[in-house]
Amino acid sequence: MGLAGGVAIVTGGGTGIGQAICQGLAAAGAAAIVVNYSRSVEEAEATAESLRAAGTGAITCRADVGVEAEVGQLVETTVEEFGGVDILVNCAGTTEFIDFKDLGSLTDDIWNRIFRVNVLGAFYAARSAAPWLTKSHGAIVNVASVAATRASGSSLPYSVSKAALVQLTQCLAAALAPEVRVNAVGPGSVDTRWYRNQKGVGFKLWAAEEVRRMPLRRLVMPVDVARVVVGLVESEMVTGELVIVDGGRHILY
């Protein structure tokens, strides 16, 4: 589908990659965007205000994507405000920073919380929006991770959850075809506030090492991921695919 005139929901749309996706969809012609958040209310409101200032209809909507009823209300609010749903971007995610070797720290609560947001949240949103996306021949893009394809990432449950999200992408692509296309984007290390806060004073050294290992020799920015998301929304003969955005690092061993 073309983006012009489309209505989009972006979960986790108030900050970082989600914010850049909202801005990218607006620049590509989306008529309205619902900026979902769970905690970052001020950032979500600021993102929506910037979209409105640029001429795109925008509202914020709080919902924990890991709670099905709240996701259903998110979709209902979108339809009430803008008449339907054409684009769904599942960007909301969570993790814990736990060394892969520290199996003893992986409690059921950690597994359940990460999977509830990263996998079930995307499924709940897709299922709730499916009738509207089917009607509009719309598109879903799931924000996975390069960690879905290798033993890496912030923690073992995070990596496994993103692999599950990629498989969910393929299964939904089959289940919702031919009316709805479903794809995924897999960012590597991205220069976001989240990464900067996590790395602290060591961010510059970490970023330099990441760049050294990348064929393209530049740290990925949120806008780089957003451009791929927009491209997948607009690519009418692509479905069930994962596009990795990591400066080419994954091709090196």
Protein backbone atom coordinates (compact mmCIF):
# COMPACT_ATOMS: atom_id res chain seq x y z
CA MET A 1 0.00 0.00 0.00
CA GLY A 2 1.04 3.59 -0.42
CA LEU A 3 1.49 5.59 2.75
CA ALA A 4 -0.44 8.63 1.56
CA GLY A 5 -3.54 9.04 3.68
CA GLY A 6 -2.80 6.01 5.86
CA VAL A 7 -3.50 5.65 9.56
CA ALA A 8 -0.69 4.10 11.60
CA ILE A 9 -0.27 2.73 15.11
CA VAL A 10 3.30 2.69 16.43
CA THR A 11 3.69 0.87 19.72
CA GLY A 12 6.53 2.27 21.80
CA GLY A 13 6.41 5.29 19.52
CA GLY A 14 7.42 8.02 21.93
CA THR A 15 11.18 7.51 22.12
CA GLY A 16 14.21 6.26 20.21
CA ILE A 17 13.52 4.02 17.23
CA GLY A 18 9.76 4.29 17.71
CA GLN A 19 9.88 8.07 17.60
CA ALA A 20 11.97 7.99 14.42
CA ILE A 21 9.47 5.57 12.84
CA CYS A 22 6.60 7.94 13.65
CA GLN A 23 8.49 10.79 12.03
CA GLY A 24 9.42 8.66 9.02
CA LEU A 25 5.85 7.55 8.42
CA ALA A 26 4.65 11.14 8.66
CA ALA A 27 7.28 12.36 6.21
CA ALA A 28 6.25 9.60 3.79
CA GLY A 29 2.64 10.78 3.80
CA ALA A 30 0.77 9.07 6.63
CA ALA A 31 -2.35 11.07 7.47
CA ALA A 32 -2.52 10.12 11.13
CA ILE A 33 -0.35 8.34 13.68
CA VAL A 34 -1.24 6.98 17.10
CA VAL A 35 1.81 7.15 19.36
CA ASN A 36 1.56 4.37 21.91
CA TYR A 37 3.48 4.43 25.19
CA SER A 38 3.41 2.62 28.52
CA ARG A 39 5.55 4.87 30.74
CA SER A 40 7.14 7.65 28.65
CA VAL A 41 4.14 9.96 28.61
CA GLU A 42 6.06 13.24 28.25
CA GLU A 43 8.16 11.93 25.36
CA ALA A 44 5.10 10.49 23.64
CA GLU A 45 3.24 13.79 23.93
CA ALA A 46 6.25 15.64 22.55
CA THR A 47 6.45 13.24 19.62
CA ALA A 48 2.75 13.65 18.85
CA GLU A 49 3.05 17.42 19.07
CA SER A 50 5.95 17.42 16.60
CA LEU A 51 3.86 15.35 14.19
CA ARG A 52 0.90 17.71 14.48
CA ALA A 53 3.19 20.69 13.93
CA ALA A 54 4.31 19.09 10.67
CA GLY A 55 0.71 18.63 9.52
CA THR A 56 0.09 14.99 10.48
CA GLY A 57 -2.83 14.01 12.68
CA ALA A 58 -1.49 12.50 15.88
CA ILE A 59 -2.63 11.42 19.31
CA THR A 60 -1.03 9.50 22.15
CA CYS A 61 -2.53 6.40 23.73
CA ARG A 62 -1.23 4.62 26.82
CA ALA A 63 -1.32 0.84 26.71
CA ASP A 64 0.81 -1.97 28.07
CA VAL A 65 1.11 -4.14 24.97
CA GLY A 66 1.54 -7.20 27.17
CA VAL A 67 -2.07 -6.81 28.34
CA GLU A 68 -4.50 -7.88 25.63
CA ALA A 69 -7.40 -5.73 26.84
CA GLU A 70 -5.26 -2.61 26.73
CA VAL A 71 -4.09 -3.42 23.21
CA GLY A 72 -7.70 -3.87 22.14
CA GLN A 73 -8.50 -0.45 23.57
CA LEU A 74 -5.54 1.03 21.68
CA VAL A 75 -6.93 -0.24 18.38
CA GLU A 76 -10.47 0.84 19.32
CA THR A 77 -9.27 4.35 20.12
CA THR A 78 -7.46 4.54 16.79
CA VAL A 79 -10.59 3.53 14.88
CA GLU A 80 -12.75 5.96 16.82
CA GLU A 81 -10.37 8.85 16.16
CA PHE A 82 -9.30 8.15 12.58
CA GLY A 83 -11.72 5.64 11.09
CA GLY A 84 -9.48 2.60 10.68
CA VAL A 85 -5.97 1.15 10.77
CA ASP A 86 -3.72 0.84 7.71
CA ILE A 87 -0.27 0.37 9.27
CA LEU A 88 0.84 -1.32 12.47
CA VAL A 89 4.42 -1.06 13.69
CA ASN A 90 5.18 -3.20 16.74
CA CYS A 91 8.15 -1.37 18.23
CA ALA A 92 7.47 -1.72 21.96
CA GLY A 93 9.94 -4.00 23.66
CA THR A 94 11.67 -4.79 26.91
CA THR A 95 14.69 -6.67 28.21
CA GLU A 96 16.98 -7.38 31.15
CA PHE A 97 20.76 -7.11 31.00
CA ILE A 98 21.97 -10.55 32.10
CA ASP A 99 25.12 -12.35 31.00
CA PHE A 100 24.33 -15.36 28.81
CA LYS A 101 26.29 -17.65 31.14
CA ASP A 102 24.27 -16.59 34.18
CA LEU A 103 21.48 -19.13 33.73
CA GLY A 104 20.66 -19.07 37.42
CA SER A 105 19.35 -15.52 37.22
CA LEU A 106 16.74 -16.32 34.56
CA THR A 107 13.59 -16.54 36.64
CA ASP A 108 10.16 -17.39 35.28
CA ASP A 109 9.15 -13.79 35.92
CA ILE A 110 11.92 -12.49 33.64
CA TRP A 111 11.05 -14.97 30.87
CA ASN A 112 7.34 -14.24 31.13
CA ARG A 113 7.70 -10.46 31.20
CA ILE A 114 10.05 -10.32 28.20
CA PHE A 115 7.94 -12.72 26.13
CA ARG A 116 4.70 -11.04 27.13
CA VAL A 117 5.87 -7.70 25.72
CA ASN A 118 8.16 -8.73 22.86
CA VAL A 119 6.13 -11.60 21.43
CA LEU A 120 2.59 -11.68 22.82
CA GLY A 121 2.35 -7.89 22.60
CA ALA A 122 3.02 -7.99 18.86
CA PHE A 123 0.52 -10.84 18.45
CA TYR A 124 -2.18 -9.07 20.46
CA ALA A 125 -1.76 -5.92 18.37
CA ALA A 126 -1.80 -7.83 15.08
CA ARG A 127 -4.89 -9.80 16.06
CA SER A 128 -6.77 -6.73 17.28
CA ALA A 129 -5.90 -4.68 14.19
CA ALA A 130 -6.30 -7.54 11.68
CA PRO A 131 -9.93 -6.81 10.67
CA TRP A 132 -9.06 -3.21 9.84
CA LEU A 133 -5.76 -4.05 8.18
CA THR A 134 -7.50 -6.68 6.07
CA LYS A 135 -10.10 -4.15 4.98
CA SER A 136 -7.44 -1.63 3.93
CA HIS A 137 -4.92 -4.16 2.55
CA GLY A 138 -2.50 -2.80 5.12
CA ALA A 139 0.91 -3.73 6.47
CA ILE A 140 2.55 -4.77 9.73
CA VAL A 141 6.21 -4.27 10.57
CA ASN A 142 7.65 -5.88 13.69
CA VAL A 143 10.81 -4.43 15.21
CA ALA A 144 12.91 -7.48 16.04
CA SER A 145 16.71 -7.48 16.44
CA VAL A 146 19.84 -8.90 14.90
CA ALA A 147 19.93 -10.89 18.16
CA ALA A 148 17.14 -13.00 16.64
CA THR A 149 19.69 -14.58 14.30
CA ARG A 150 22.63 -15.21 16.62
CA ALA A 151 23.54 -15.86 20.27
CA SER A 152 23.90 -12.21 21.22
CA GLY A 153 21.98 -9.38 22.81
CA SER A 154 21.22 -8.03 26.23
CA SER A 155 20.13 -11.38 27.63
CA LEU A 156 19.28 -14.93 26.61
CA PRO A 157 15.49 -14.43 27.00
CA TYR A 158 15.67 -11.27 24.90
CA SER A 159 17.49 -13.03 22.07
CA VAL A 160 15.05 -15.94 22.14
CA SER A 161 12.06 -13.59 22.24
CA LYS A 162 13.27 -11.75 19.15
CA ALA A 163 13.78 -15.05 17.33
CA ALA A 164 10.21 -15.91 18.25
CA LEU A 165 9.08 -12.53 16.93
CA VAL A 166 10.71 -13.26 13.57
CA GLN A 167 8.91 -16.62 13.40
CA LEU A 168 5.67 -14.88 14.41
CA THR A 169 6.28 -12.47 11.53
CA GLN A 170 6.49 -15.33 9.05
CA CYS A 171 3.45 -17.10 10.48
CA LEU A 172 1.35 -13.93 10.44
CA ALA A 173 2.48 -13.23 6.89
CA ALA A 174 1.02 -16.60 5.91
CA ALA A 175 -2.09 -16.27 8.07
CA LEU A 176 -3.05 -12.75 6.93
CA ALA A 177 -2.18 -13.08 3.25
CA PRO A 178 -3.12 -11.97 0.68
CA GLU A 179 -4.69 -8.86 2.18
CA VAL A 180 -2.06 -7.96 4.79
CA ARG A 181 1.73 -8.03 4.46
CA VAL A 182 3.86 -8.69 7.55
CA ASN A 183 7.61 -8.05 7.73
CA ALA A 184 10.27 -7.42 10.36
CA VAL A 185 13.30 -5.21 10.76
CA GLY A 186 16.29 -6.36 12.81
CA PRO A 187 18.37 -3.48 14.18
CA GLY A 188 21.85 -4.09 15.52
CA SER A 189 23.49 -1.58 17.86
CA VAL A 190 21.62 1.71 17.54
CA ASP A 191 22.64 5.11 18.93
CA THR A 192 19.68 5.76 21.22
CA ARG A 193 19.26 7.28 24.66
CA TRP A 194 18.52 3.77 25.94
CA TYR A 195 21.92 2.50 24.79
CA ARG A 196 23.71 5.63 26.05
CA ASN A 197 22.14 5.27 29.49
CA GLN A 198 22.93 1.58 29.66
CA LYS A 199 26.59 2.02 28.65
CA GLY A 200 27.08 5.20 30.69
CA VAL A 201 30.58 6.68 30.57
CA GLY A 202 31.72 3.72 28.49
CA PHE A 203 29.41 4.55 25.58
CA LYS A 204 32.05 6.19 23.38
CA LEU A 205 34.48 3.29 23.70
CA TRP A 206 31.71 0.78 23.09
CA ALA A 207 30.47 2.71 20.04
CA ALA A 208 33.98 2.95 18.60
CA GLU A 209 34.42 -0.81 18.90
CA GLU A 210 31.03 -1.43 17.26
CA VAL A 211 31.93 0.85 14.34
CA ARG A 212 35.30 -0.86 13.93
CA ARG A 213 33.51 -4.15 13.36
CA MET A 214 31.00 -2.76 10.84
CA PRO A 215 31.75 -2.82 7.10
CA LEU A 216 29.88 0.49 6.71
CA ARG A 217 31.90 2.07 9.55
CA ARG A 218 29.02 4.04 11.10
CA LEU A 219 26.84 3.40 14.12
CA VAL A 220 23.21 2.85 13.18
CA MET A 221 20.90 5.76 14.00
CA PRO A 222 17.14 5.49 14.70
CA VAL A 223 16.38 7.17 11.36
CA ASP A 224 18.23 4.37 9.55
CA VAL A 225 15.83 1.83 11.03
CA ALA A 226 12.84 4.07 10.31
CA ARG A 227 13.75 4.27 6.63
CA VAL A 228 13.69 0.49 6.35
CA VAL A 229 10.33 0.32 8.13
CA VAL A 230 8.86 2.84 5.68
CA GLY A 231 10.34 0.90 2.79
CA LEU A 232 8.75 -2.34 3.99
CA VAL A 233 5.37 -0.66 4.36
CA GLU A 234 5.61 0.58 0.79
CA SER A 235 6.99 -2.64 -0.76
CA GLU A 236 3.84 -4.29 -2.05
CA MET A 237 5.41 -7.60 -3.08
CA VAL A 238 7.44 -8.26 0.08
CA THR A 239 6.07 -10.25 3.01
CA GLY A 240 7.44 -12.57 5.69
CA GLU A 241 10.92 -11.03 5.52
CA LEU A 242 13.48 -9.88 8.10
CA VAL A 243 15.74 -6.99 7.07
CA ILE A 244 18.80 -6.58 9.28
CA VAL A 245 20.03 -3.04 9.87
CA ASP A 246 23.45 -3.23 11.54
CA GLY A 247 25.91 -1.65 9.12
CA GLY A 248 26.75 -5.09 7.77
CA ARG A 249 28.28 -6.40 10.97
CA HIS A 250 26.31 -9.64 10.82
CA ILE A 251 28.03 -10.72 7.59
CA LEU A 252 31.42 -10.97 9.32
CA TYR A 253 32.47 -13.89 11.49
